[in-house]
Amino acid sequence: LKSGEEITPTEAFQRAPNKDGHRIAHWLKWMLGGSAACDLLRLRTAQERGVGQCQNFQINSDADMTPAVNWLYGNLGGKLDQGLARPHPGPLPQERGDGSAPLHPSPPPIRDATPYEIYQWNLPPHKQRLPTSFSELYAESARRREEAAARSGSSPVTGHSKLAIGLGFDVATSTKGKSNPSVVSLLEEHGPEWIVRCRFIWKTKDPEIANQRILSILNVLERRGIRPRALAQDATNERYYAEQNRKYFRAKVPVVLVVASEAVDKLSLDKPTNWKEYLGNQLIAKLDDNNLTLPSDEYTRTDYRLVMKDRGRIVCEPNDQGMHGDCFDADKLAGHALTATNSRRTIVPPRELWPQPPPPPKATLG
């Protein structure tokens, strides 16, 4: 300005004392305002609590899925509370030095009532064809089944674990020319606390590869005797792909489709909002209440800190690595999977209240 010589836009930006003001006034660029939605101190506390029990997995090839699902199989339910998931099979009995017989032989298997015996037991008394000792056998079998279910935390009827798990799937998209990764989050509910047990992060253009990786995660849960409540998938941009996944996984898990721009109709809301704001604020509230446990890596910290609050709205700008709050979105979808479905129980009346047919007529001598 003193000499009046022309300067380039780059030089003008370098000399500008207010860089953000220069971007807005001269480059007409919209600048993201507000502050980080996730408090750094509370985020660090949630990550410190997840040391050794939560993990992030970067899946660059199919070979990376094997150690990831093996870790998931061994850490479901947490190392300190394995009673919430079905326990691992015990070690093999130790053999003697000469290899003749084990020092502590395994006990004989428990004999349960066969389906035919249960069918006969539920028949009216005049139609039963059972041994005299079946009532004792049935009672002993039911008692042992309930004791085993109490030790493993599973249901004595279905044998499935009571551990509440929700899955969130944030589908990869392209934002401002940068490719964002796909993230599958596995979240456990322990009372009021949410624990992000693990995440699977990958970049792929083939939806079949993504579906096979999700299917491998569901198979691990099935082998552990755990049925997730739901799989919540972001259907904002990839609606057709989300509808295909709803049919593809319906034999394994219910698929809940979430469109971020759709309105939320909740009686507890003071003002109308959409699913993006509602689920984001729900996850932030868990973090602020110190009821959230996260993996302790730098990737999670960077991803959560990208989420901003601007005039009450939750916004996020991608960084130079293509990160776009995908872990945050997958975690909030997993939390929605836990709360989007209602548990219904069927109450079976006791056998004394079942309708009984009239007794057969007595035989008479004619």
Protein backbone atom coordinates (compact mmCIF):
# COMPACT_ATOMS: atom_id res chain seq x y z
CA LEU A 1 0.00 0.00 0.00
CA LYS A 2 2.90 2.37 0.60
CA SER A 3 4.46 1.93 -2.87
CA GLY A 4 1.25 1.24 -4.83
CA GLU A 5 2.73 -1.78 -6.60
CA GLU A 6 0.58 -4.75 -7.49
CA ILE A 7 0.90 -7.90 -5.40
CA THR A 8 -0.38 -11.41 -5.97
CA PRO A 9 -3.32 -12.86 -4.00
CA THR A 10 -0.89 -15.21 -2.25
CA GLU A 11 1.25 -12.31 -1.05
CA ALA A 12 -1.85 -10.44 0.09
CA PHE A 13 -2.94 -13.41 2.15
CA GLN A 14 0.51 -13.77 3.69
CA ARG A 15 0.55 -10.10 4.73
CA ALA A 16 -3.00 -10.10 6.09
CA PRO A 17 -3.04 -9.86 9.92
CA ASN A 18 -6.45 -11.63 10.11
CA LYS A 19 -6.27 -14.76 7.98
CA ASP A 20 -9.87 -15.86 8.57
CA GLY A 21 -11.20 -12.39 7.84
CA HIS A 22 -9.20 -12.31 4.61
CA ARG A 23 -10.68 -15.66 3.54
CA ILE A 24 -14.21 -14.41 4.18
CA ALA A 25 -13.86 -10.91 2.67
CA HIS A 26 -11.61 -11.59 -0.34
CA TRP A 27 -12.07 -15.28 -1.10
CA LEU A 28 -15.79 -15.32 -0.21
CA LYS A 29 -15.22 -18.55 1.70
CA TRP A 30 -17.65 -19.75 4.36
CA MET A 31 -15.71 -20.33 7.54
CA LEU A 32 -16.78 -22.86 10.13
CA GLY A 33 -17.44 -21.09 13.41
CA GLY A 34 -18.34 -22.25 16.87
CA SER A 35 -16.33 -24.59 19.05
CA ALA A 36 -15.56 -28.30 19.28
CA ALA A 37 -18.64 -30.28 20.26
CA CYS A 38 -16.65 -32.76 22.37
CA ASP A 39 -14.83 -31.40 25.39
CA LEU A 40 -11.15 -32.36 25.27
CA LEU A 41 -10.89 -33.20 28.98
CA ARG A 42 -13.96 -35.46 28.96
CA LEU A 43 -12.79 -37.04 25.72
CA ARG A 44 -9.43 -37.85 27.27
CA THR A 45 -11.17 -39.37 30.32
CA ALA A 46 -13.33 -41.59 28.09
CA GLN A 47 -10.25 -42.74 26.18
CA GLU A 48 -8.22 -43.42 29.31
CA ARG A 49 -11.01 -45.69 30.50
CA GLY A 50 -10.85 -47.62 27.24
CA VAL A 51 -7.14 -48.52 27.45
CA GLY A 52 -6.73 -52.26 26.99
CA GLN A 53 -10.42 -52.99 26.35
CA CYS A 54 -11.36 -50.93 23.26
CA GLN A 55 -9.68 -51.00 19.87
CA ASN A 56 -9.71 -49.41 16.42
CA PHE A 57 -8.87 -51.60 13.41
CA GLN A 58 -7.67 -50.19 10.09
CA ILE A 59 -8.71 -52.74 7.46
CA ASN A 60 -6.55 -52.31 4.37
CA SER A 61 -7.11 -55.83 3.00
CA ASP A 62 -9.09 -58.97 3.77
CA ALA A 63 -6.07 -60.35 5.65
CA ASP A 64 -6.51 -57.59 8.26
CA MET A 65 -9.99 -58.85 9.13
CA THR A 66 -8.73 -62.13 10.63
CA PRO A 67 -6.82 -60.68 13.64
CA ALA A 68 -9.55 -58.07 14.08
CA VAL A 69 -12.41 -60.57 14.43
CA ASN A 70 -10.20 -62.82 16.61
CA TRP A 71 -9.67 -59.89 18.98
CA LEU A 72 -13.41 -59.21 18.94
CA TYR A 73 -14.19 -62.83 19.84
CA GLY A 74 -11.89 -62.71 22.86
CA ASN A 75 -12.90 -59.29 24.20
CA LEU A 76 -16.69 -59.16 23.87
CA GLY A 77 -18.21 -58.15 27.17
CA GLY A 78 -14.92 -56.85 28.51
CA LYS A 79 -12.01 -58.55 30.23
CA LEU A 80 -13.25 -57.57 33.67
CA ASP A 81 -16.83 -58.72 33.15
CA GLN A 82 -16.76 -61.86 31.04
CA GLY A 83 -19.95 -63.04 32.74
CA LEU A 84 -21.95 -60.87 30.34
CA ALA A 85 -20.86 -62.96 27.37
CA ARG A 86 -20.66 -66.69 26.86
CA PRO A 87 -17.37 -67.88 28.38
CA HIS A 88 -14.64 -69.53 26.35
CA PRO A 89 -14.27 -73.30 26.46
CA GLY A 90 -11.91 -74.28 29.25
CA PRO A 91 -8.41 -75.59 28.60
CA LEU A 92 -7.88 -79.22 27.81
CA PRO A 93 -7.31 -81.48 30.86
CA GLN A 94 -3.70 -81.94 31.83
CA GLU A 95 -2.37 -85.40 31.06
CA ARG A 96 0.00 -87.42 33.17
CA GLY A 97 3.65 -87.52 32.38
CA ASP A 98 3.29 -90.87 30.63
CA GLY A 99 0.27 -89.64 28.63
CA SER A 100 -1.97 -92.39 30.03
CA ALA A 101 -4.89 -90.50 31.57
CA PRO A 102 -5.69 -86.95 32.59
CA LEU A 103 -5.16 -85.88 36.18
CA HIS A 104 -8.57 -84.20 36.33
CA PRO A 105 -10.97 -85.90 33.93
CA SER A 106 -13.83 -83.79 32.67
CA PRO A 107 -17.24 -84.51 34.23
CA PRO A 108 -19.81 -86.40 32.17
CA PRO A 109 -22.14 -84.24 30.09
CA ILE A 110 -25.45 -83.17 31.59
CA ARG A 111 -28.38 -85.10 30.19
CA ASP A 112 -31.20 -82.78 29.21
CA ALA A 113 -34.75 -83.80 28.52
CA THR A 114 -35.34 -84.79 24.92
CA PRO A 115 -37.96 -82.95 22.82
CA TYR A 116 -40.18 -86.03 22.91
CA GLU A 117 -40.03 -86.16 26.70
CA ILE A 118 -40.89 -82.47 26.95
CA TYR A 119 -43.79 -83.04 24.56
CA GLN A 120 -45.07 -85.92 26.66
CA TRP A 121 -44.62 -83.91 29.86
CA ASN A 122 -46.85 -81.09 28.51
CA LEU A 123 -49.64 -83.51 27.59
CA PRO A 124 -52.61 -84.02 29.93
CA PRO A 125 -51.95 -86.61 32.62
CA HIS A 126 -54.20 -89.26 31.10
CA LYS A 127 -52.22 -89.14 27.81
CA GLN A 128 -48.70 -89.18 29.22
CA ARG A 129 -46.46 -92.16 28.59
CA LEU A 130 -43.45 -91.37 30.76
CA PRO A 131 -41.23 -93.24 33.15
CA THR A 132 -41.96 -92.74 36.82
CA SER A 133 -38.67 -90.90 37.36
CA PHE A 134 -39.15 -88.36 34.57
CA SER A 135 -40.41 -85.60 36.85
CA GLU A 136 -37.19 -85.75 38.87
CA LEU A 137 -35.15 -85.90 35.67
CA TYR A 138 -36.92 -82.86 34.23
CA ALA A 139 -36.52 -80.84 37.43
CA GLU A 140 -32.81 -81.66 37.69
CA SER A 141 -32.25 -80.78 34.05
CA ALA A 142 -34.04 -77.43 34.43
CA ARG A 143 -32.08 -76.63 37.59
CA ARG A 144 -28.72 -77.31 35.95
CA ARG A 145 -29.72 -75.33 32.88
CA GLU A 146 -30.63 -72.32 35.01
CA GLU A 147 -27.36 -72.55 36.97
CA ALA A 148 -25.34 -72.67 33.75
CA ALA A 149 -27.29 -69.72 32.37
CA ALA A 150 -26.66 -67.72 35.55
CA ARG A 151 -22.91 -68.35 35.30
CA SER A 152 -22.71 -67.37 31.60
CA GLY A 153 -25.26 -64.55 31.66
CA SER A 154 -27.32 -66.17 28.90
CA SER A 155 -30.94 -67.09 28.61
CA PRO A 156 -31.81 -70.61 29.90
CA VAL A 157 -34.27 -71.04 27.01
CA THR A 158 -32.40 -69.76 23.94
CA GLY A 159 -28.82 -69.94 25.26
CA HIS A 160 -28.10 -66.43 23.91
CA SER A 161 -26.24 -63.82 25.93
CA LYS A 162 -28.02 -60.93 27.61
CA LEU A 163 -25.28 -58.54 26.51
CA ALA A 164 -26.89 -55.57 24.69
CA ILE A 165 -24.96 -54.68 21.52
CA GLY A 166 -25.74 -52.17 18.79
CA LEU A 167 -23.97 -51.84 15.44
CA GLY A 168 -23.52 -48.60 13.53
CA PHE A 169 -22.47 -48.42 9.88
CA ASP A 170 -21.38 -45.07 8.45
CA VAL A 171 -21.05 -45.56 4.69
CA ALA A 172 -18.10 -44.03 2.84
CA THR A 173 -18.84 -40.88 0.83
CA SER A 174 -16.90 -38.16 -0.97
CA THR A 175 -16.91 -34.67 0.57
CA LYS A 176 -15.27 -31.77 -1.30
CA GLY A 177 -13.28 -34.18 -3.46
CA LYS A 178 -11.95 -36.19 -0.52
CA SER A 179 -12.91 -39.81 0.08
CA ASN A 180 -14.14 -40.62 3.59
CA PRO A 181 -13.71 -44.10 5.07
CA SER A 182 -16.48 -46.51 6.01
CA VAL A 183 -16.73 -47.26 9.72
CA VAL A 184 -18.54 -50.08 11.53
CA SER A 185 -18.86 -49.42 15.26
CA LEU A 186 -19.74 -52.07 17.84
CA LEU A 187 -21.19 -50.53 20.99
CA GLU A 188 -22.08 -52.31 24.23
CA GLU A 189 -24.61 -51.10 26.78
CA HIS A 190 -23.78 -51.70 30.45
CA GLY A 191 -26.51 -49.96 32.40
CA PRO A 192 -26.18 -46.23 31.72
CA GLU A 193 -22.70 -46.63 30.20
CA TRP A 194 -21.90 -47.06 26.52
CA ILE A 195 -18.65 -48.82 25.63
CA VAL A 196 -17.38 -48.61 22.06
CA ARG A 197 -15.76 -52.04 22.08
CA CYS A 198 -14.19 -51.76 18.63
CA ARG A 199 -14.44 -50.16 15.22
CA PHE A 200 -13.62 -51.48 11.77
CA ILE A 201 -12.41 -48.77 9.38
CA TRP A 202 -11.83 -49.34 5.67
CA LYS A 203 -11.95 -47.72 2.24
CA THR A 204 -13.39 -49.72 -0.65
CA LYS A 205 -15.45 -49.07 -3.77
CA ASP A 206 -16.99 -52.54 -3.86
CA PRO A 207 -20.14 -52.82 -1.71
CA GLU A 208 -19.89 -56.63 -1.76
CA ILE A 209 -16.54 -56.47 0.08
CA ALA A 210 -18.09 -54.23 2.73
CA ASN A 211 -21.05 -56.59 3.13
CA GLN A 212 -18.80 -59.62 3.53
CA ARG A 213 -16.81 -57.87 6.24
CA ILE A 214 -19.99 -56.94 8.11
CA LEU A 215 -21.17 -60.53 7.73
CA SER A 216 -17.95 -61.80 9.30
CA ILE A 217 -18.56 -59.54 12.30
CA LEU A 218 -22.12 -60.87 12.67
CA ASN A 219 -20.83 -64.45 12.45
CA VAL A 220 -18.42 -63.81 15.33
CA LEU A 221 -21.28 -62.48 17.45
CA GLU A 222 -23.35 -65.54 16.58
CA ARG A 223 -20.56 -67.91 17.61
CA ARG A 224 -20.38 -66.12 20.96
CA GLY A 225 -24.12 -66.57 21.44
CA ILE A 226 -24.85 -62.84 21.11
CA ARG A 227 -27.64 -61.33 19.06
CA PRO A 228 -27.22 -57.59 18.41
CA ARG A 229 -30.33 -55.52 18.81
CA ALA A 230 -30.02 -53.81 15.44
CA LEU A 231 -27.67 -52.49 12.77
CA ALA A 232 -28.22 -48.78 12.14
CA GLN A 233 -26.97 -47.67 8.73
CA ASP A 234 -26.70 -44.16 7.34
CA ALA A 235 -29.06 -43.92 4.36
CA THR A 236 -28.70 -40.20 3.63
CA ASN A 237 -26.75 -40.54 0.37
CA GLU A 238 -26.76 -44.28 -0.41
CA ARG A 239 -30.46 -45.07 -0.07
CA TYR A 240 -30.56 -47.94 -2.60
CA TYR A 241 -27.51 -49.59 -1.04
CA ALA A 242 -29.09 -49.26 2.41
CA GLU A 243 -32.33 -50.87 1.20
CA GLN A 244 -30.34 -53.77 -0.25
CA ASN A 245 -28.53 -54.25 3.06
CA ARG A 246 -31.84 -54.31 4.91
CA LYS A 247 -32.82 -57.38 2.89
CA TYR A 248 -29.32 -58.87 2.85
CA PHE A 249 -28.83 -58.93 6.65
CA ARG A 250 -32.42 -59.50 7.78
CA ALA A 251 -31.70 -63.15 8.62
CA LYS A 252 -28.97 -62.01 11.04
CA VAL A 253 -30.02 -58.65 12.47
CA PRO A 254 -32.69 -55.97 11.98
CA VAL A 255 -31.37 -53.09 9.86
CA VAL A 256 -32.52 -49.58 10.83
CA LEU A 257 -32.08 -46.93 8.12
CA VAL A 258 -31.27 -43.40 9.28
CA VAL A 259 -31.63 -40.37 7.00
CA ALA A 260 -29.83 -37.47 8.66
CA SER A 261 -32.07 -34.76 7.18
CA GLU A 262 -35.40 -36.33 8.20
CA ALA A 263 -37.33 -34.79 11.07
CA VAL A 264 -37.48 -36.50 14.46
CA ASP A 265 -40.87 -36.80 16.10
CA LYS A 266 -40.27 -37.20 19.82
CA LEU A 267 -42.55 -36.02 22.62
CA SER A 268 -39.55 -35.06 24.76
CA LEU A 269 -38.19 -32.53 22.24
CA ASP A 270 -38.78 -28.84 22.88
CA LYS A 271 -38.21 -27.83 19.25
CA PRO A 272 -38.14 -29.74 15.95
CA THR A 273 -34.83 -31.24 14.89
CA ASN A 274 -33.45 -33.87 12.53
CA TRP A 275 -31.74 -37.20 13.10
CA LYS A 276 -28.25 -35.73 12.65
CA GLU A 277 -28.69 -33.24 15.48
CA TYR A 278 -30.69 -35.60 17.69
CA LEU A 279 -28.28 -38.55 17.58
CA GLY A 280 -25.22 -36.31 17.74
CA ASN A 281 -26.48 -34.55 20.87
CA GLN A 282 -27.38 -37.92 22.39
CA LEU A 283 -23.79 -39.15 22.01
CA ILE A 284 -22.35 -35.85 23.26
CA ALA A 285 -24.59 -36.08 26.33
CA LYS A 286 -23.19 -39.54 27.09
CA LEU A 287 -19.68 -38.09 26.87
CA ASP A 288 -20.53 -35.09 29.07
CA ASP A 289 -22.15 -37.37 31.68
CA ASN A 290 -18.98 -39.51 31.83
CA ASN A 291 -20.91 -42.55 30.58
CA LEU A 292 -18.93 -43.18 27.40
CA THR A 293 -15.83 -45.35 26.93
CA LEU A 294 -13.81 -44.99 23.73
CA PRO A 295 -10.67 -46.48 22.12
CA SER A 296 -7.54 -44.72 23.29
CA ASP A 297 -5.88 -44.08 19.91
CA GLU A 298 -5.09 -40.73 18.32
CA TYR A 299 -7.42 -41.46 15.38
CA THR A 300 -10.47 -41.38 17.68
CA ARG A 301 -9.36 -38.16 19.37
CA THR A 302 -8.79 -36.39 16.04
CA ASP A 303 -12.07 -37.66 14.59
CA TYR A 304 -14.17 -36.53 17.57
CA ARG A 305 -12.51 -33.12 17.72
CA LEU A 306 -13.45 -32.44 14.10
CA VAL A 307 -17.12 -32.27 15.09
CA MET A 308 -18.12 -28.65 15.78
CA LYS A 309 -21.18 -26.85 17.12
CA ASP A 310 -22.10 -23.78 15.08
CA ARG A 311 -25.17 -21.82 16.24
CA GLY A 312 -26.73 -24.96 17.69
CA ARG A 313 -26.03 -27.13 14.65
CA ILE A 314 -23.58 -30.02 14.51
CA VAL A 315 -21.22 -29.55 11.56
CA CYS A 316 -17.95 -31.10 10.46
CA GLU A 317 -15.34 -30.19 7.88
CA PRO A 318 -13.00 -32.88 6.48
CA ASN A 319 -9.29 -32.55 7.19
CA ASP A 320 -6.43 -33.12 4.80
CA GLN A 321 -6.53 -36.90 5.44
CA GLY A 322 -10.20 -37.24 4.48
CA MET A 323 -11.43 -37.71 8.06
CA HIS A 324 -14.94 -36.35 8.41
CA GLY A 325 -16.18 -37.36 11.86
CA ASP A 326 -16.91 -40.86 10.58
CA CYS A 327 -16.14 -42.56 13.91
CA PHE A 328 -18.43 -40.09 15.67
CA ASP A 329 -21.20 -40.82 13.17
CA ALA A 330 -20.77 -44.60 13.44
CA ASP A 331 -20.86 -44.42 17.25
CA LYS A 332 -24.03 -42.35 17.30
CA LEU A 333 -25.66 -44.78 14.86
CA ALA A 334 -24.67 -47.70 17.10
CA GLY A 335 -26.25 -45.91 20.05
CA HIS A 336 -29.42 -45.44 17.98
CA ALA A 337 -29.42 -49.19 17.26
CA LEU A 338 -29.61 -49.81 21.01
CA THR A 339 -32.57 -47.50 21.53
CA ALA A 340 -34.47 -47.83 18.24
CA THR A 341 -36.02 -51.23 19.01
CA ASN A 342 -38.20 -52.34 21.89
CA SER A 343 -37.75 -55.66 23.67
CA ARG A 344 -40.98 -57.67 23.81
CA ARG A 345 -41.38 -60.72 25.97
CA THR A 346 -43.93 -63.49 25.62
CA ILE A 347 -45.35 -64.61 28.95
CA VAL A 348 -46.34 -68.27 29.03
CA PRO A 349 -48.94 -69.16 31.68
CA PRO A 350 -48.14 -71.98 34.08
CA ARG A 351 -49.18 -75.49 33.20
CA GLU A 352 -51.95 -75.49 35.80
CA LEU A 353 -53.77 -72.75 33.84
CA TRP A 354 -53.64 -74.50 30.48
CA PRO A 355 -57.04 -75.69 29.21
CA GLN A 356 -57.43 -79.35 30.11
CA PRO A 357 -59.58 -81.72 28.07
CA PRO A 358 -62.24 -83.72 29.89
CA PRO A 359 -61.09 -87.08 31.26
CA PRO A 360 -61.93 -90.13 29.14
CA PRO A 361 -65.11 -92.08 30.08
CA LYS A 362 -64.67 -95.00 32.44
CA ALA A 363 -64.93 -98.47 30.93
CA THR A 364 -67.98 -100.48 32.08
CA LEU A 365 -68.72 -104.17 31.83
CA GLY A 366 -71.66 -104.77 29.50
